[in-house]
Amino acid sequence: MIFPTICLHRQFNLQAQLFAFAVLAGALLGGCDRSTTDRDIVWVTPQDAIRMAETPQGTFGSGGAPRTLWLDPRMPNQFAEGHLPSAVNIPFPEISKTHESTCKNFELFIVYDSDYDDVMAKAASKRLLELGYDGVFTIRGGIKAWQREGYELQKDSAIVAPPK
């Protein structure tokens, strides 16, 4: 009896095609947001972050150092208490609203938080990835790791505006 086997095969084929169509329609109608998990975060040490920001790009380094955004996603009062030199304060809730004006001219993103919990750093890094940015790295241990490796913090009350 070949007939039942062929019918079952066709029915399965139709179900597979409908499923594929539903997935494709969902992707097209729902947009192409990149979903992220903690596994997508690339952790670096402060020393590695500095090295990446200073290493010339392109053939034989002809492209110069990458335009790097040192991103501090904490609240402005925390930023003023101490932050990495050259860091830009873009509080986490503002990243989605302002990324086109604050992030688009950069090739490398180094994100950090206060300590080893890294909650804000993880959230900010994942948000940048979801917004389509590549070259996103997160300093494991944030400011505590930065200071532990002997680097200084900058303290001021002004929020540094990113270069345009």
N, C-alpha and C. Protein backbone atom coordinates (compact mmCIF):
# COMPACT_ATOMS: atom_id res chain seq x y z
N MET A 1 0.82 -1.17 0.00
CA MET A 1 0.00 0.00 0.00
C MET A 1 0.87 1.24 0.00
N ILE A 2 1.08 1.77 -1.10
CA ILE A 2 1.90 2.97 -1.25
C ILE A 2 1.06 4.22 -1.00
N PHE A 3 -0.21 4.18 -1.28
CA PHE A 3 -1.07 5.36 -1.19
C PHE A 3 -1.04 6.03 0.19
N PRO A 4 -1.24 5.34 1.32
CA PRO A 4 -1.22 6.01 2.62
C PRO A 4 0.14 6.66 2.91
N THR A 5 1.23 6.02 2.51
CA THR A 5 2.55 6.58 2.74
C THR A 5 2.73 7.88 1.97
N ILE A 6 2.28 7.93 0.75
CA ILE A 6 2.38 9.15 -0.06
C ILE A 6 1.53 10.25 0.54
N CYS A 7 0.30 9.91 0.99
CA CYS A 7 -0.57 10.92 1.60
C CYS A 7 0.05 11.49 2.87
N LEU A 8 0.62 10.62 3.70
CA LEU A 8 1.25 11.10 4.93
C LEU A 8 2.45 11.99 4.60
N HIS A 9 3.21 11.62 3.60
CA HIS A 9 4.37 12.40 3.18
C HIS A 9 3.93 13.78 2.70
N ARG A 10 2.86 13.81 1.89
CA ARG A 10 2.36 15.10 1.39
C ARG A 10 1.81 15.95 2.53
N GLN A 11 1.14 15.29 3.49
CA GLN A 11 0.58 16.04 4.61
C GLN A 11 1.72 16.64 5.44
N PHE A 12 2.77 15.87 5.69
CA PHE A 12 3.91 16.37 6.44
C PHE A 12 4.59 17.50 5.68
N ASN A 13 4.73 17.32 4.38
CA ASN A 13 5.33 18.36 3.53
C ASN A 13 4.54 19.65 3.62
N LEU A 14 3.22 19.57 3.57
CA LEU A 14 2.36 20.74 3.65
C LEU A 14 2.51 21.41 5.01
N GLN A 15 2.57 20.61 6.09
CA GLN A 15 2.75 21.18 7.42
C GLN A 15 4.10 21.89 7.54
N ALA A 16 5.12 21.30 6.99
CA ALA A 16 6.45 21.91 7.03
C ALA A 16 6.46 23.23 6.25
N GLN A 17 5.79 23.24 5.09
CA GLN A 17 5.72 24.46 4.30
C GLN A 17 4.94 25.55 5.02
N LEU A 18 3.83 25.18 5.67
CA LEU A 18 3.04 26.16 6.43
C LEU A 18 3.85 26.72 7.60
N PHE A 19 4.58 25.86 8.28
CA PHE A 19 5.42 26.31 9.38
C PHE A 19 6.49 27.28 8.89
N ALA A 20 7.16 26.94 7.79
CA ALA A 20 8.18 27.81 7.22
C ALA A 20 7.58 29.15 6.81
N PHE A 21 6.39 29.13 6.23
CA PHE A 21 5.72 30.37 5.84
C PHE A 21 5.40 31.21 7.07
N ALA A 22 4.92 30.57 8.14
CA ALA A 22 4.58 31.30 9.37
C ALA A 22 5.82 31.95 9.97
N VAL A 23 6.93 31.24 9.99
CA VAL A 23 8.17 31.80 10.52
C VAL A 23 8.63 32.98 9.68
N LEU A 24 8.60 32.83 8.37
CA LEU A 24 9.01 33.91 7.48
C LEU A 24 8.09 35.11 7.62
N ALA A 25 6.79 34.89 7.67
CA ALA A 25 5.84 35.99 7.83
C ALA A 25 6.05 36.69 9.17
N GLY A 26 6.29 35.94 10.21
CA GLY A 26 6.55 36.53 11.52
C GLY A 26 7.79 37.39 11.51
N ALA A 27 8.83 36.93 10.83
CA ALA A 27 10.07 37.71 10.76
C ALA A 27 9.86 39.00 9.97
N LEU A 28 9.11 38.90 8.88
CA LEU A 28 8.88 40.08 8.05
C LEU A 28 7.96 41.09 8.72
N LEU A 29 6.90 40.60 9.35
CA LEU A 29 5.94 41.49 9.98
C LEU A 29 6.44 42.00 11.32
N GLY A 30 7.21 41.20 12.03
CA GLY A 30 7.68 41.58 13.36
C GLY A 30 8.98 42.35 13.33
N GLY A 31 9.56 42.58 12.19
CA GLY A 31 10.85 43.26 12.13
C GLY A 31 11.97 42.25 12.31
N CYS A 32 13.15 42.73 12.21
CA CYS A 32 14.31 41.85 12.33
C CYS A 32 15.14 42.24 13.54
N ASP A 33 14.51 42.36 14.68
CA ASP A 33 15.24 42.65 15.91
C ASP A 33 16.16 41.49 16.22
N ARG A 34 17.37 41.84 16.61
CA ARG A 34 18.31 40.81 17.03
C ARG A 34 18.04 40.53 18.50
N SER A 35 17.77 39.30 18.82
CA SER A 35 17.61 38.98 20.23
C SER A 35 18.98 38.57 20.75
N THR A 36 19.23 38.88 22.00
CA THR A 36 20.54 38.58 22.58
C THR A 36 20.37 37.90 23.92
N THR A 37 21.43 37.23 24.31
CA THR A 37 21.51 36.64 25.64
C THR A 37 22.87 37.02 26.22
N ASP A 38 23.09 36.64 27.46
CA ASP A 38 24.39 36.92 28.08
C ASP A 38 25.53 36.24 27.33
N ARG A 39 25.24 35.18 26.60
CA ARG A 39 26.28 34.49 25.83
C ARG A 39 26.83 35.34 24.69
N ASP A 40 26.07 36.34 24.26
CA ASP A 40 26.52 37.20 23.17
C ASP A 40 27.51 38.26 23.63
N ILE A 41 27.64 38.44 24.92
CA ILE A 41 28.53 39.47 25.45
C ILE A 41 29.97 38.99 25.36
N VAL A 42 30.84 39.86 24.87
CA VAL A 42 32.26 39.56 24.78
C VAL A 42 32.96 40.32 25.90
N TRP A 43 33.50 39.58 26.85
CA TRP A 43 34.14 40.17 28.02
C TRP A 43 35.61 40.41 27.74
N VAL A 44 36.11 41.54 28.23
CA VAL A 44 37.53 41.87 28.10
C VAL A 44 38.02 42.44 29.42
N THR A 45 39.32 42.42 29.57
CA THR A 45 39.95 43.06 30.72
C THR A 45 40.15 44.54 30.37
N PRO A 46 40.39 45.38 31.37
CA PRO A 46 40.69 46.78 31.05
C PRO A 46 41.89 46.91 30.11
N GLN A 47 42.92 46.13 30.36
CA GLN A 47 44.11 46.19 29.52
C GLN A 47 43.80 45.80 28.07
N ASP A 48 42.99 44.76 27.89
CA ASP A 48 42.59 44.35 26.54
C ASP A 48 41.77 45.44 25.86
N ALA A 49 40.90 46.10 26.62
CA ALA A 49 40.07 47.17 26.06
C ALA A 49 40.94 48.32 25.56
N ILE A 50 41.91 48.70 26.34
CA ILE A 50 42.82 49.78 25.94
C ILE A 50 43.59 49.38 24.69
N ARG A 51 44.08 48.16 24.68
CA ARG A 51 44.84 47.67 23.53
C ARG A 51 43.99 47.69 22.26
N MET A 52 42.74 47.24 22.37
CA MET A 52 41.85 47.23 21.20
C MET A 52 41.59 48.66 20.70
N ALA A 53 41.41 49.58 21.63
CA ALA A 53 41.11 50.96 21.25
C ALA A 53 42.31 51.66 20.62
N GLU A 54 43.51 51.19 20.93
CA GLU A 54 44.72 51.84 20.41
C GLU A 54 45.33 51.14 19.20
N THR A 55 44.89 49.93 18.90
CA THR A 55 45.47 49.16 17.80
C THR A 55 44.95 49.65 16.46
N PRO A 56 45.86 50.09 15.58
CA PRO A 56 45.44 50.55 14.26
C PRO A 56 44.75 49.45 13.47
N GLN A 57 43.75 49.84 12.70
CA GLN A 57 42.96 48.91 11.89
C GLN A 57 43.42 48.97 10.43
N GLY A 58 42.90 48.09 9.64
CA GLY A 58 43.17 48.10 8.21
C GLY A 58 44.49 47.42 7.86
N THR A 59 44.81 47.46 6.59
CA THR A 59 46.02 46.84 6.10
C THR A 59 47.24 47.54 6.68
N PHE A 60 48.06 46.80 7.38
CA PHE A 60 49.27 47.32 8.02
C PHE A 60 48.98 48.53 8.91
N GLY A 61 47.79 48.59 9.47
CA GLY A 61 47.43 49.68 10.37
C GLY A 61 47.16 51.00 9.68
N SER A 62 46.91 50.95 8.37
CA SER A 62 46.72 52.19 7.61
C SER A 62 45.43 52.92 7.97
N GLY A 63 44.50 52.22 8.59
CA GLY A 63 43.22 52.84 8.93
C GLY A 63 43.25 53.62 10.23
N GLY A 64 44.34 53.56 10.95
CA GLY A 64 44.42 54.24 12.24
C GLY A 64 43.63 53.50 13.30
N ALA A 65 43.67 54.06 14.49
CA ALA A 65 42.94 53.45 15.62
C ALA A 65 41.44 53.55 15.36
N PRO A 66 40.69 52.56 15.81
CA PRO A 66 39.24 52.61 15.59
C PRO A 66 38.60 53.73 16.40
N ARG A 67 37.55 54.32 15.83
CA ARG A 67 36.79 55.32 16.61
C ARG A 67 36.07 54.55 17.70
N THR A 68 36.47 54.83 18.93
CA THR A 68 36.01 54.05 20.07
C THR A 68 35.10 54.87 20.97
N LEU A 69 33.97 54.28 21.32
CA LEU A 69 33.07 54.89 22.28
C LEU A 69 33.19 54.10 23.58
N TRP A 70 33.72 54.76 24.61
CA TRP A 70 33.78 54.19 25.94
C TRP A 70 32.46 54.57 26.59
N LEU A 71 31.58 53.60 26.73
CA LEU A 71 30.20 53.86 27.14
C LEU A 71 29.97 53.52 28.61
N ASP A 72 29.51 54.52 29.35
CA ASP A 72 29.14 54.36 30.76
C ASP A 72 27.62 54.47 30.83
N PRO A 73 26.91 53.36 31.05
CA PRO A 73 25.45 53.39 31.04
C PRO A 73 24.81 53.71 32.40
N ARG A 74 25.63 54.12 33.36
CA ARG A 74 25.08 54.41 34.69
C ARG A 74 24.38 55.77 34.70
N MET A 75 23.78 56.11 35.81
CA MET A 75 23.10 57.39 35.96
C MET A 75 24.12 58.52 36.05
N PRO A 76 23.75 59.74 35.65
CA PRO A 76 24.68 60.87 35.63
C PRO A 76 25.38 61.13 36.98
N ASN A 77 24.69 60.98 38.08
CA ASN A 77 25.33 61.21 39.38
C ASN A 77 26.42 60.17 39.65
N GLN A 78 26.22 58.94 39.23
CA GLN A 78 27.25 57.90 39.39
C GLN A 78 28.43 58.20 38.47
N PHE A 79 28.14 58.62 37.27
CA PHE A 79 29.17 58.98 36.30
C PHE A 79 30.05 60.10 36.86
N ALA A 80 29.44 61.12 37.47
CA ALA A 80 30.17 62.27 38.00
C ALA A 80 31.09 61.86 39.16
N GLU A 81 30.72 60.83 39.90
CA GLU A 81 31.54 60.37 41.02
C GLU A 81 32.85 59.73 40.57
N GLY A 82 32.90 59.25 39.35
CA GLY A 82 34.11 58.65 38.82
C GLY A 82 33.81 57.78 37.62
N HIS A 83 34.57 58.01 36.56
CA HIS A 83 34.37 57.26 35.32
C HIS A 83 35.69 57.09 34.60
N LEU A 84 35.71 56.23 33.61
CA LEU A 84 36.91 56.04 32.82
C LEU A 84 37.18 57.28 31.99
N PRO A 85 38.46 57.66 31.84
CA PRO A 85 38.78 58.82 31.00
C PRO A 85 38.23 58.60 29.58
N SER A 86 37.74 59.64 28.99
CA SER A 86 37.17 59.63 27.63
C SER A 86 35.82 58.94 27.54
N ALA A 87 35.27 58.51 28.67
CA ALA A 87 33.97 57.83 28.64
C ALA A 87 32.85 58.81 28.38
N VAL A 88 31.81 58.31 27.77
CA VAL A 88 30.60 59.06 27.49
C VAL A 88 29.48 58.47 28.34
N ASN A 89 28.75 59.32 28.99
CA ASN A 89 27.64 58.85 29.82
C ASN A 89 26.36 58.88 29.00
N ILE A 90 25.87 57.69 28.67
CA ILE A 90 24.57 57.55 28.05
C ILE A 90 23.81 56.59 28.95
N PRO A 91 22.99 57.12 29.87
CA PRO A 91 22.26 56.23 30.77
C PRO A 91 21.50 55.16 30.00
N PHE A 92 21.48 53.96 30.54
CA PHE A 92 20.87 52.83 29.85
C PHE A 92 19.50 53.13 29.25
N PRO A 93 18.58 53.80 29.98
CA PRO A 93 17.26 54.06 29.38
C PRO A 93 17.31 54.96 28.14
N GLU A 94 18.40 55.68 27.95
CA GLU A 94 18.51 56.61 26.81
C GLU A 94 19.15 55.99 25.57
N ILE A 95 19.76 54.84 25.70
CA ILE A 95 20.51 54.27 24.58
C ILE A 95 19.64 54.07 23.35
N SER A 96 18.48 53.48 23.50
CA SER A 96 17.61 53.24 22.33
C SER A 96 17.15 54.53 21.69
N LYS A 97 16.89 55.54 22.51
CA LYS A 97 16.39 56.81 21.99
C LYS A 97 17.46 57.64 21.30
N THR A 98 18.70 57.54 21.77
CA THR A 98 19.75 58.44 21.28
C THR A 98 20.84 57.76 20.46
N HIS A 99 20.77 56.46 20.27
CA HIS A 99 21.89 55.75 19.64
C HIS A 99 22.24 56.27 18.25
N GLU A 100 21.26 56.72 17.49
CA GLU A 100 21.58 57.19 16.14
C GLU A 100 22.45 58.44 16.15
N SER A 101 22.30 59.28 17.15
CA SER A 101 23.13 60.48 17.23
C SER A 101 24.38 60.27 18.08
N THR A 102 24.37 59.31 18.99
CA THR A 102 25.50 59.14 19.89
C THR A 102 26.43 57.99 19.53
N CYS A 103 25.96 57.01 18.79
CA CYS A 103 26.75 55.80 18.55
C CYS A 103 27.14 55.54 17.10
N LYS A 104 26.47 56.15 16.16
CA LYS A 104 26.61 55.71 14.77
C LYS A 104 27.98 55.94 14.14
N ASN A 105 28.78 56.85 14.66
CA ASN A 105 30.08 57.13 14.05
C ASN A 105 31.22 56.33 14.65
N PHE A 106 30.91 55.33 15.45
CA PHE A 106 31.94 54.57 16.13
C PHE A 106 32.04 53.16 15.56
N GLU A 107 33.24 52.60 15.67
CA GLU A 107 33.52 51.25 15.17
C GLU A 107 33.71 50.25 16.30
N LEU A 108 34.06 50.79 17.48
CA LEU A 108 34.35 49.95 18.63
C LEU A 108 33.61 50.52 19.83
N PHE A 109 32.97 49.65 20.58
CA PHE A 109 32.20 50.07 21.75
C PHE A 109 32.71 49.31 22.96
N ILE A 110 33.17 50.06 23.96
CA ILE A 110 33.64 49.44 25.19
C ILE A 110 32.72 49.92 26.30
N VAL A 111 32.01 48.98 26.88
CA VAL A 111 30.98 49.27 27.87
C VAL A 111 31.46 48.79 29.23
N TYR A 112 31.15 49.56 30.26
CA TYR A 112 31.54 49.15 31.61
C TYR A 112 30.50 49.61 32.62
N ASP A 113 30.63 49.06 33.82
CA ASP A 113 29.75 49.37 34.94
C ASP A 113 30.64 49.59 36.16
N SER A 114 30.07 49.59 37.33
CA SER A 114 30.81 49.88 38.55
C SER A 114 31.67 48.72 39.04
N ASP A 115 31.16 47.50 38.94
CA ASP A 115 31.86 46.40 39.59
C ASP A 115 31.62 45.08 38.87
N TYR A 116 31.81 44.01 39.59
CA TYR A 116 31.74 42.68 38.99
C TYR A 116 30.32 42.17 38.76
N ASP A 117 29.32 42.86 39.28
CA ASP A 117 27.94 42.47 38.99
C ASP A 117 27.61 42.78 37.53
N ASP A 118 28.12 43.90 37.04
CA ASP A 118 28.02 44.28 35.63
C ASP A 118 26.60 44.28 35.07
N VAL A 119 25.60 44.51 35.89
CA VAL A 119 24.22 44.46 35.42
C VAL A 119 23.95 45.49 34.33
N MET A 120 24.34 46.73 34.58
CA MET A 120 24.10 47.78 33.58
C MET A 120 24.96 47.58 32.34
N ALA A 121 26.19 47.14 32.54
CA ALA A 121 27.07 46.91 31.40
C ALA A 121 26.52 45.80 30.50
N LYS A 122 26.04 44.72 31.12
CA LYS A 122 25.47 43.63 30.32
C LYS A 122 24.24 44.12 29.55
N ALA A 123 23.38 44.85 30.24
CA ALA A 123 22.16 45.34 29.58
C ALA A 123 22.50 46.29 28.44
N ALA A 124 23.44 47.20 28.67
CA ALA A 124 23.81 48.17 27.62
C ALA A 124 24.48 47.47 26.44
N SER A 125 25.35 46.52 26.72
CA SER A 125 26.02 45.79 25.63
C SER A 125 25.01 45.03 24.78
N LYS A 126 24.08 44.37 25.45
CA LYS A 126 23.05 43.63 24.71
C LYS A 126 22.17 44.59 23.91
N ARG A 127 21.86 45.74 24.45
CA ARG A 127 21.04 46.70 23.72
C ARG A 127 21.77 47.17 22.45
N LEU A 128 23.06 47.46 22.55
CA LEU A 128 23.82 47.86 21.36
C LEU A 128 23.81 46.75 20.32
N LEU A 129 23.99 45.52 20.75
CA LEU A 129 23.95 44.39 19.81
C LEU A 129 22.58 44.28 19.16
N GLU A 130 21.52 44.45 19.95
CA GLU A 130 20.16 44.37 19.41
C GLU A 130 19.89 45.49 18.41
N LEU A 131 20.53 46.62 18.61
CA LEU A 131 20.36 47.76 17.70
C LEU A 131 21.21 47.61 16.43
N GLY A 132 21.98 46.52 16.36
CA GLY A 132 22.74 46.22 15.14
C GLY A 132 24.19 46.63 15.15
N TYR A 133 24.72 47.03 16.29
CA TYR A 133 26.13 47.43 16.36
C TYR A 133 27.01 46.21 16.55
N ASP A 134 28.15 46.25 15.88
CA ASP A 134 29.17 45.21 16.03
C ASP A 134 30.34 45.83 16.79
N GLY A 135 31.29 45.03 17.18
CA GLY A 135 32.45 45.56 17.88
C GLY A 135 32.12 46.02 19.28
N VAL A 136 31.20 45.31 19.95
CA VAL A 136 30.79 45.65 21.31
C VAL A 136 31.52 44.74 22.29
N PHE A 137 32.24 45.36 23.23
CA PHE A 137 32.99 44.62 24.24
C PHE A 137 32.65 45.17 25.61
N THR A 138 32.68 44.31 26.61
CA THR A 138 32.29 44.69 27.96
C THR A 138 33.44 44.41 28.91
N ILE A 139 33.80 45.40 29.71
CA ILE A 139 34.87 45.22 30.69
C ILE A 139 34.34 44.44 31.88
N ARG A 140 34.90 43.26 32.08
CA ARG A 140 34.50 42.44 33.22
C ARG A 140 35.07 43.08 34.49
N GLY A 141 34.17 43.40 35.38
CA GLY A 141 34.59 44.01 36.64
C GLY A 141 34.51 45.53 36.63
N GLY A 142 34.24 46.11 35.47
CA GLY A 142 34.03 47.54 35.36
C GLY A 142 35.08 48.40 36.03
N ILE A 143 34.61 49.40 36.75
CA ILE A 143 35.50 50.37 37.40
C ILE A 143 36.42 49.68 38.41
N LYS A 144 35.91 48.71 39.15
CA LYS A 144 36.75 48.02 40.13
C LYS A 144 37.93 47.33 39.46
N ALA A 145 37.69 46.66 38.34
CA ALA A 145 38.78 46.01 37.61
C ALA A 145 39.73 47.06 37.03
N TRP A 146 39.18 48.16 36.55
CA TRP A 146 39.98 49.26 36.00
C TRP A 146 40.97 49.76 37.05
N GLN A 147 40.47 50.03 38.25
CA GLN A 147 41.32 50.53 39.32
C GLN A 147 42.28 49.44 39.82
N ARG A 148 41.81 48.21 39.87
CA ARG A 148 42.67 47.11 40.31
C ARG A 148 43.88 46.96 39.40
N GLU A 149 43.72 47.25 38.12
CA GLU A 149 44.85 47.17 37.18
C GLU A 149 45.71 48.44 37.20
N GLY A 150 45.37 49.37 38.10
CA GLY A 150 46.22 50.55 38.29
C GLY A 150 45.85 51.77 37.46
N TYR A 151 44.72 51.76 36.81
CA TYR A 151 44.30 52.90 36.00
C TYR A 151 43.50 53.89 36.85
N GLU A 152 43.59 55.15 36.49
CA GLU A 152 42.92 56.22 37.23
C GLU A 152 41.51 56.45 36.70
N LEU A 153 40.67 57.03 37.55
CA LEU A 153 39.34 57.47 37.16
C LEU A 153 39.35 58.98 36.98
N GLN A 154 38.41 59.45 36.21
CA GLN A 154 38.21 60.88 36.03
C GLN A 154 36.95 61.24 36.81
N LYS A 155 36.98 62.38 37.51
CA LYS A 155 35.81 62.82 38.26
C LYS A 155 35.44 64.22 37.79
N ASP A 156 34.18 64.39 37.46
CA ASP A 156 33.67 65.70 37.10
C ASP A 156 32.16 65.65 37.14
N SER A 157 31.55 66.81 37.09
CA SER A 157 30.10 66.86 37.13
C SER A 157 29.48 66.98 35.76
N ALA A 158 30.31 67.19 34.76
CA ALA A 158 29.79 67.36 33.40
C ALA A 158 29.64 66.00 32.73
N ILE A 159 28.60 65.88 31.94
CA ILE A 159 28.41 64.68 31.13
C ILE A 159 29.13 64.95 29.81
N VAL A 160 30.03 64.07 29.47
CA VAL A 160 30.80 64.25 28.25
C VAL A 160 29.92 63.95 27.05
N ALA A 161 29.85 64.88 26.12
CA ALA A 161 29.09 64.65 24.89
C ALA A 161 29.97 63.94 23.89
N PRO A 162 29.45 62.95 23.19
CA PRO A 162 30.26 62.24 22.20
C PRO A 162 30.58 63.13 21.01
N PRO A 163 31.76 62.94 20.42
CA PRO A 163 32.10 63.70 19.22
C PRO A 163 31.20 63.32 18.07
N LYS A 164 30.93 64.25 17.19
CA LYS A 164 30.06 63.97 16.03
C LYS A 164 30.85 63.83 14.78
